[in-house]
């Protein structure tokens, strides 16, 4: 799951498939991803994994890393 999300971020958000993202790398708090991109990631996750992410959860507290996002999805499955 982390790999699929990472590839989506690399391809669709960063437009750089060669940019590696570690599972514990800060995405939001580091500025790598902006608030508009969070919505795109949430939509991708919802469509890909059949889970619902509340707008209030689009924050650094909920998923600032790939590992945190994957954990959130696993909780919802």
PDB file of N, CA and C in Angstrom:
ATOM      1  N   UNK A   1       0.817  -1.185   0.000  1.00  0.00           N
ATOM      2  CA  UNK A   1       0.000   0.000   0.000  1.00  0.00           C
ATOM      3  C   UNK A   1       0.867   1.258   0.000  1.00  0.00           C
ATOM      4  N   UNK A   2       1.890   1.274   0.858  1.00  0.00           N
ATOM      5  CA  UNK A   2       2.770   2.445   0.895  1.00  0.00           C
ATOM      6  C   UNK A   2       3.418   2.682  -0.456  1.00  0.00           C
ATOM      7  N   UNK A   3       3.783   1.609  -1.126  1.00  0.00           N
ATOM      8  CA  UNK A   3       4.423   1.738  -2.436  1.00  0.00           C
ATOM      9  C   UNK A   3       3.465   2.360  -3.451  1.00  0.00           C
ATOM     10  N   UNK A   4       2.210   1.928  -3.442  1.00  0.00           N
ATOM     11  CA  UNK A   4       1.227   2.475  -4.381  1.00  0.00           C
ATOM     12  C   UNK A   4       0.968   3.954  -4.108  1.00  0.00           C
ATOM     13  N   UNK A   5       0.862   4.306  -2.840  1.00  0.00           N
ATOM     14  CA  UNK A   5       0.626   5.705  -2.476  1.00  0.00           C
ATOM     15  C   UNK A   5       1.847   6.544  -2.842  1.00  0.00           C
ATOM     16  N   UNK A   6       3.022   6.012  -2.556  1.00  0.00           N
ATOM     17  CA  UNK A   6       4.260   6.722  -2.889  1.00  0.00           C
ATOM     18  C   UNK A   6       4.352   6.965  -4.392  1.00  0.00           C
ATOM     19  N   UNK A   7       4.043   5.941  -5.187  1.00  0.00           N
ATOM     20  CA  UNK A   7       4.107   6.087  -6.640  1.00  0.00           C
ATOM     21  C   UNK A   7       3.096   7.118  -7.135  1.00  0.00           C
ATOM     22  N   UNK A   8       1.914   7.160  -6.528  1.00  0.00           N
ATOM     23  CA  UNK A   8       0.924   8.169  -6.892  1.00  0.00           C
ATOM     24  C   UNK A   8       1.469   9.571  -6.594  1.00  0.00           C
ATOM     25  N   UNK A   9       2.027   9.742  -5.422  1.00  0.00           N
ATOM     26  CA  UNK A   9       2.574  11.053  -5.037  1.00  0.00           C
ATOM     27  C   UNK A   9       3.709  11.450  -5.979  1.00  0.00           C
ATOM     28  N   UNK A  10       4.602  10.517  -6.274  1.00  0.00           N
ATOM     29  CA  UNK A  10       5.714  10.815  -7.175  1.00  0.00           C
ATOM     30  C   UNK A  10       5.211  11.225  -8.557  1.00  0.00           C
ATOM     31  N   UNK A  11       4.269  10.469  -9.069  1.00  0.00           N
ATOM     32  CA  UNK A  11       3.781  10.669 -10.442  1.00  0.00           C
ATOM     33  C   UNK A  11       2.833  11.862 -10.570  1.00  0.00           C
ATOM     34  N   UNK A  12       1.856  11.960  -9.687  1.00  0.00           N
ATOM     35  CA  UNK A  12       0.790  12.937  -9.849  1.00  0.00           C
ATOM     36  C   UNK A  12       1.000  14.233  -9.077  1.00  0.00           C
ATOM     37  N   UNK A  13       1.674  14.176  -7.950  1.00  0.00           N
ATOM     38  CA  UNK A  13       1.840  15.365  -7.109  1.00  0.00           C
ATOM     39  C   UNK A  13       3.189  16.030  -7.379  1.00  0.00           C
ATOM     40  N   UNK A  14       4.250  15.241  -7.291  1.00  0.00           N
ATOM     41  CA  UNK A  14       5.594  15.799  -7.455  1.00  0.00           C
ATOM     42  C   UNK A  14       6.037  15.865  -8.911  1.00  0.00           C
ATOM     43  N   UNK A  15       5.373  15.081  -9.767  1.00  0.00           N
ATOM     44  CA  UNK A  15       5.745  14.990 -11.190  1.00  0.00           C
ATOM     45  C   UNK A  15       7.211  14.577 -11.352  1.00  0.00           C
ATOM     46  N   UNK A  16       7.656  13.697 -10.432  1.00  0.00           N
ATOM     47  CA  UNK A  16       9.051  13.255 -10.433  1.00  0.00           C
ATOM     48  C   UNK A  16       9.094  11.810  -9.952  1.00  0.00           C
ATOM     49  N   UNK A  17       8.989  10.871 -10.892  1.00  0.00           N
ATOM     50  CA  UNK A  17       8.951   9.460 -10.515  1.00  0.00           C
ATOM     51  C   UNK A  17      10.271   8.967  -9.946  1.00  0.00           C
ATOM     52  N   UNK A  18      11.332   9.732 -10.114  1.00  0.00           N
ATOM     53  CA  UNK A  18      12.627   9.338  -9.576  1.00  0.00           C
ATOM     54  C   UNK A  18      12.862   9.807  -8.149  1.00  0.00           C
ATOM     55  N   UNK A  19      11.989  10.659  -7.646  1.00  0.00           N
ATOM     56  CA  UNK A  19      12.129  11.204  -6.282  1.00  0.00           C
ATOM     57  C   UNK A  19      11.680  10.146  -5.281  1.00  0.00           C
ATOM     58  N   UNK A  20      12.627   9.631  -4.503  1.00  0.00           N
ATOM     59  CA  UNK A  20      12.282   8.612  -3.519  1.00  0.00           C
ATOM     60  C   UNK A  20      11.681   9.275  -2.284  1.00  0.00           C
ATOM     61  N   UNK A  21      10.702   8.609  -1.702  1.00  0.00           N
ATOM     62  CA  UNK A  21      10.059   9.089  -0.483  1.00  0.00           C
ATOM     63  C   UNK A  21      10.128   7.957   0.529  1.00  0.00           C
ATOM     64  N   UNK A  22      10.802   8.190   1.636  1.00  0.00           N
ATOM     65  CA  UNK A  22      10.901   7.183   2.693  1.00  0.00           C
ATOM     66  C   UNK A  22       9.570   7.089   3.425  1.00  0.00           C
ATOM     67  N   UNK A  23       9.297   5.932   4.009  1.00  0.00           N
ATOM     68  CA  UNK A  23       8.013   5.738   4.686  1.00  0.00           C
ATOM     69  C   UNK A  23       7.843   6.647   5.895  1.00  0.00           C
ATOM     70  N   UNK A  24       8.958   7.109   6.455  1.00  0.00           N
ATOM     71  CA  UNK A  24       8.874   7.993   7.626  1.00  0.00           C
ATOM     72  C   UNK A  24       9.230   9.446   7.300  1.00  0.00           C
ATOM     73  N   UNK A  25       9.328   9.763   6.014  1.00  0.00           N
ATOM     74  CA  UNK A  25       9.644  11.133   5.598  1.00  0.00           C
ATOM     75  C   UNK A  25       8.433  12.043   5.753  1.00  0.00           C
ATOM     76  N   UNK A  26       8.637  13.197   6.364  1.00  0.00           N
ATOM     77  CA  UNK A  26       7.548  14.160   6.537  1.00  0.00           C
ATOM     78  C   UNK A  26       7.121  14.698   5.174  1.00  0.00           C
ATOM     79  N   UNK A  27       5.851  14.585   4.885  1.00  0.00           N
ATOM     80  CA  UNK A  27       5.323  15.048   3.606  1.00  0.00           C
ATOM     81  C   UNK A  27       4.758  16.455   3.708  1.00  0.00           C
ATOM     82  N   UNK A  28       3.964  16.681   4.736  1.00  0.00           N
ATOM     83  CA  UNK A  28       3.268  17.952   4.885  1.00  0.00           C
ATOM     84  C   UNK A  28       4.126  18.966   5.626  1.00  0.00           C
ATOM     85  N   UNK A  29       4.608  18.572   6.810  1.00  0.00           N
ATOM     86  CA  UNK A  29       5.355  19.521   7.646  1.00  0.00           C
ATOM     87  C   UNK A  29       6.669  19.950   7.008  1.00  0.00           C
ATOM     88  N   UNK A  30       7.177  19.147   6.076  1.00  0.00           N
ATOM     89  CA  UNK A  30       8.411  19.517   5.383  1.00  0.00           C
ATOM     90  C   UNK A  30       8.143  20.453   4.204  1.00  0.00           C
ATOM     91  N   UNK A  31       6.869  20.557   3.808  1.00  0.00           N
ATOM     92  CA  UNK A  31       6.517  21.381   2.658  1.00  0.00           C
ATOM     93  C   UNK A  31       6.562  20.627   1.336  1.00  0.00           C
ATOM     94  N   UNK A  32       6.850  19.341   1.375  1.00  0.00           N
ATOM     95  CA  UNK A  32       6.891  18.543   0.150  1.00  0.00           C
ATOM     96  C   UNK A  32       5.517  18.507  -0.521  1.00  0.00           C
ATOM     97  N   UNK A  33       4.471  18.445   0.294  1.00  0.00           N
ATOM     98  CA  UNK A  33       3.098  18.402  -0.199  1.00  0.00           C
ATOM     99  C   UNK A  33       2.329  19.575   0.389  1.00  0.00           C
ATOM    100  N   UNK A  34       1.540  20.247  -0.450  1.00  0.00           N
ATOM    101  CA  UNK A  34       0.736  21.368   0.048  1.00  0.00           C
ATOM    102  C   UNK A  34      -0.700  20.915   0.325  1.00  0.00           C
ATOM    103  N   UNK A  35      -1.500  21.823   0.837  1.00  0.00           N
ATOM    104  CA  UNK A  35      -2.861  21.475   1.243  1.00  0.00           C
ATOM    105  C   UNK A  35      -3.736  21.042   0.064  1.00  0.00           C
ATOM    106  N   UNK A  36      -3.514  21.588  -1.092  1.00  0.00           N
ATOM    107  CA  UNK A  36      -4.290  21.176  -2.268  1.00  0.00           C
ATOM    108  C   UNK A  36      -3.972  19.732  -2.642  1.00  0.00           C
ATOM    109  N   UNK A  37      -2.718  19.360  -2.503  1.00  0.00           N
ATOM    110  CA  UNK A  37      -2.302  17.998  -2.825  1.00  0.00           C
ATOM    111  C   UNK A  37      -2.876  16.984  -1.846  1.00  0.00           C
ATOM    112  N   UNK A  38      -3.123  17.403  -0.617  1.00  0.00           N
ATOM    113  CA  UNK A  38      -3.713  16.504   0.374  1.00  0.00           C
ATOM    114  C   UNK A  38      -5.060  15.981  -0.100  1.00  0.00           C
ATOM    115  N   UNK A  39      -5.838  16.849  -0.706  1.00  0.00           N
ATOM    116  CA  UNK A  39      -7.149  16.447  -1.199  1.00  0.00           C
ATOM    117  C   UNK A  39      -6.989  15.401  -2.306  1.00  0.00           C
ATOM    118  N   UNK A  40      -6.047  15.614  -3.206  1.00  0.00           N
ATOM    119  CA  UNK A  40      -5.796  14.644  -4.276  1.00  0.00           C
ATOM    120  C   UNK A  40      -5.371  13.293  -3.708  1.00  0.00           C
ATOM    121  N   UNK A  41      -4.517  13.312  -2.705  1.00  0.00           N
ATOM    122  CA  UNK A  41      -4.059  12.071  -2.080  1.00  0.00           C
ATOM    123  C   UNK A  41      -5.225  11.376  -1.383  1.00  0.00           C
ATOM    124  N   UNK A  42      -6.033  12.142  -0.663  1.00  0.00           N
ATOM    125  CA  UNK A  42      -7.188  11.565   0.021  1.00  0.00           C
ATOM    126  C   UNK A  42      -8.147  10.916  -0.977  1.00  0.00           C
ATOM    127  N   UNK A  43      -8.411  11.579  -2.097  1.00  0.00           N
ATOM    128  CA  UNK A  43      -9.295  11.014  -3.114  1.00  0.00           C
ATOM    129  C   UNK A  43      -8.711   9.730  -3.693  1.00  0.00           C
ATOM    130  N   UNK A  44      -7.416   9.734  -3.956  1.00  0.00           N
ATOM    131  CA  UNK A  44      -6.759   8.530  -4.465  1.00  0.00           C
ATOM    132  C   UNK A  44      -6.909   7.378  -3.477  1.00  0.00           C
ATOM    133  N   UNK A  45      -6.658   7.650  -2.206  1.00  0.00           N
ATOM    134  CA  UNK A  45      -6.741   6.614  -1.171  1.00  0.00           C
ATOM    135  C   UNK A  45      -8.175   6.100  -1.039  1.00  0.00           C
ATOM    136  N   UNK A  46      -9.136   7.017  -1.051  1.00  0.00           N
ATOM    137  CA  UNK A  46     -10.536   6.609  -0.925  1.00  0.00           C
ATOM    138  C   UNK A  46     -10.962   5.725  -2.090  1.00  0.00           C
ATOM    139  N   UNK A  47     -10.582   6.109  -3.301  1.00  0.00           N
ATOM    140  CA  UNK A  47     -10.947   5.335  -4.481  1.00  0.00           C
ATOM    141  C   UNK A  47     -10.199   4.007  -4.556  1.00  0.00           C
ATOM    142  N   UNK A  48      -8.943   4.015  -4.180  1.00  0.00           N
ATOM    143  CA  UNK A  48      -8.114   2.814  -4.299  1.00  0.00           C
ATOM    144  C   UNK A  48      -8.403   1.770  -3.234  1.00  0.00           C
ATOM    145  N   UNK A  49      -8.721   2.226  -2.031  1.00  0.00           N
ATOM    146  CA  UNK A  49      -8.834   1.301  -0.913  1.00  0.00           C
ATOM    147  C   UNK A  49     -10.223   1.249  -0.288  1.00  0.00           C
ATOM    148  N   UNK A  50     -11.164   1.991  -0.836  1.00  0.00           N
ATOM    149  CA  UNK A  50     -12.535   1.924  -0.369  1.00  0.00           C
ATOM    150  C   UNK A  50     -12.747   2.410   1.052  1.00  0.00           C
ATOM    151  N   UNK A  51     -11.972   3.385   1.456  1.00  0.00           N
ATOM    152  CA  UNK A  51     -12.109   3.958   2.796  1.00  0.00           C
ATOM    153  C   UNK A  51     -12.515   5.417   2.678  1.00  0.00           C
ATOM    154  N   UNK A  52     -12.986   5.972   3.763  1.00  0.00           N
ATOM    155  CA  UNK A  52     -13.380   7.387   3.805  1.00  0.00           C
ATOM    156  C   UNK A  52     -12.428   8.136   4.717  1.00  0.00           C
ATOM    157  N   UNK A  53     -11.888   9.244   4.219  1.00  0.00           N
ATOM    158  CA  UNK A  53     -11.037  10.108   5.030  1.00  0.00           C
ATOM    159  C   UNK A  53     -11.772  11.421   5.217  1.00  0.00           C
ATOM    160  N   UNK A  54     -12.011  11.758   6.448  1.00  0.00           N
ATOM    161  CA  UNK A  54     -12.715  12.983   6.790  1.00  0.00           C
ATOM    162  C   UNK A  54     -11.837  14.192   6.495  1.00  0.00           C
ATOM    163  N   UNK A  55     -12.450  15.309   6.103  1.00  0.00           N
ATOM    164  CA  UNK A  55     -11.681  16.519   5.823  1.00  0.00           C
ATOM    165  C   UNK A  55     -10.845  16.961   7.022  1.00  0.00           C
ATOM    166  N   UNK A  56     -11.364  16.758   8.217  1.00  0.00           N
ATOM    167  CA  UNK A  56     -10.645  17.141   9.430  1.00  0.00           C
ATOM    168  C   UNK A  56      -9.371  16.311   9.626  1.00  0.00           C
ATOM    169  N   UNK A  57      -9.290  15.169   8.955  1.00  0.00           N
ATOM    170  CA  UNK A  57      -8.124  14.300   9.081  1.00  0.00           C
ATOM    171  C   UNK A  57      -7.004  14.666   8.108  1.00  0.00           C
ATOM    172  N   UNK A  58      -7.241  15.614   7.253  1.00  0.00           N
ATOM    173  CA  UNK A  58      -6.221  16.030   6.288  1.00  0.00           C
ATOM    174  C   UNK A  58      -5.247  16.984   6.972  1.00  0.00           C
ATOM    175  N   UNK A  59      -4.377  16.428   7.788  1.00  0.00           N
ATOM    176  CA  UNK A  59      -3.459  17.250   8.576  1.00  0.00           C
ATOM    177  C   UNK A  59      -2.185  16.477   8.904  1.00  0.00           C
ATOM    178  N   UNK A  60      -1.221  17.188   9.448  1.00  0.00           N
ATOM    179  CA  UNK A  60       0.034  16.545   9.848  1.00  0.00           C
ATOM    180  C   UNK A  60      -0.177  15.579  10.997  1.00  0.00           C
ATOM    181  N   UNK A  61      -1.203  15.791  11.810  1.00  0.00           N
ATOM    182  CA  UNK A  61      -1.465  14.893  12.926  1.00  0.00           C
ATOM    183  C   UNK A  61      -1.943  13.529  12.452  1.00  0.00           C
ATOM    184  N   UNK A  62      -2.634  13.492  11.334  1.00  0.00           N
ATOM    185  CA  UNK A  62      -3.219  12.251  10.839  1.00  0.00           C
ATOM    186  C   UNK A  62      -2.294  11.503   9.883  1.00  0.00           C
ATOM    187  N   UNK A  63      -1.771  12.230   8.907  1.00  0.00           N
ATOM    188  CA  UNK A  63      -0.829  11.568   8.010  1.00  0.00           C
ATOM    189  C   UNK A  63       0.197  12.544   7.449  1.00  0.00           C
ATOM    190  N   UNK A  64       1.307  12.593   8.147  1.00  0.00           N
ATOM    191  CA  UNK A  64       2.434  13.396   7.658  1.00  0.00           C
ATOM    192  C   UNK A  64       3.449  12.510   6.956  1.00  0.00           C
ATOM    193  N   UNK A  65       3.288  11.192   7.099  1.00  0.00           N
ATOM    194  CA  UNK A  65       4.212  10.254   6.459  1.00  0.00           C
ATOM    195  C   UNK A  65       3.410   9.164   5.744  1.00  0.00           C
ATOM    196  N   UNK A  66       4.074   8.447   4.862  1.00  0.00           N
ATOM    197  CA  UNK A  66       3.434   7.319   4.185  1.00  0.00           C
ATOM    198  C   UNK A  66       3.000   6.266   5.192  1.00  0.00           C
ATOM    199  N   UNK A  67       3.825   6.026   6.201  1.00  0.00           N
ATOM    200  CA  UNK A  67       3.511   5.018   7.212  1.00  0.00           C
ATOM    201  C   UNK A  67       2.247   5.393   7.982  1.00  0.00           C
ATOM    202  N   UNK A  68       2.106   6.664   8.340  1.00  0.00           N
ATOM    203  CA  UNK A  68       0.907   7.111   9.062  1.00  0.00           C
ATOM    204  C   UNK A  68      -0.339   6.994   8.186  1.00  0.00           C
ATOM    205  N   UNK A  69      -0.207   7.343   6.932  1.00  0.00           N
ATOM    206  CA  UNK A  69      -1.345   7.250   6.018  1.00  0.00           C
ATOM    207  C   UNK A  69      -1.761   5.796   5.825  1.00  0.00           C
ATOM    208  N   UNK A  70      -0.790   4.922   5.641  1.00  0.00           N
ATOM    209  CA  UNK A  70      -1.093   3.495   5.483  1.00  0.00           C
ATOM    210  C   UNK A  70      -1.750   2.936   6.746  1.00  0.00           C
ATOM    211  N   UNK A  71      -1.309   3.367   7.911  1.00  0.00           N
ATOM    212  CA  UNK A  71      -1.910   2.918   9.167  1.00  0.00           C
ATOM    213  C   UNK A  71      -3.362   3.381   9.266  1.00  0.00           C
ATOM    214  N   UNK A  72      -3.630   4.600   8.849  1.00  0.00           N
ATOM    215  CA  UNK A  72      -4.994   5.126   8.862  1.00  0.00           C
ATOM    216  C   UNK A  72      -5.885   4.294   7.945  1.00  0.00           C
ATOM    217  N   UNK A  73      -5.402   3.978   6.763  1.00  0.00           N
ATOM    218  CA  UNK A  73      -6.178   3.172   5.812  1.00  0.00           C
ATOM    219  C   UNK A  73      -6.438   1.784   6.391  1.00  0.00           C
ATOM    220  N   UNK A  74      -5.426   1.179   6.984  1.00  0.00           N
ATOM    221  CA  UNK A  74      -5.583  -0.153   7.571  1.00  0.00           C
ATOM    222  C   UNK A  74      -6.629  -0.152   8.683  1.00  0.00           C
ATOM    223  N   UNK A  75      -6.655   0.916   9.483  1.00  0.00           N
ATOM    224  CA  UNK A  75      -7.657   1.033  10.543  1.00  0.00           C
ATOM    225  C   UNK A  75      -9.072   1.056   9.967  1.00  0.00           C
ATOM    226  N   UNK A  76      -9.217   1.659   8.817  1.00  0.00           N
ATOM    227  CA  UNK A  76     -10.542   1.847   8.217  1.00  0.00           C
ATOM    228  C   UNK A  76     -11.021   0.627   7.449  1.00  0.00           C
ATOM    229  N   UNK A  77     -10.134  -0.234   7.064  1.00  0.00           N
ATOM    230  CA  UNK A  77     -10.501  -1.390   6.240  1.00  0.00           C
ATOM    231  C   UNK A  77     -11.273  -2.405   7.002  1.00  0.00           C
TER     232      UNK A  77
END
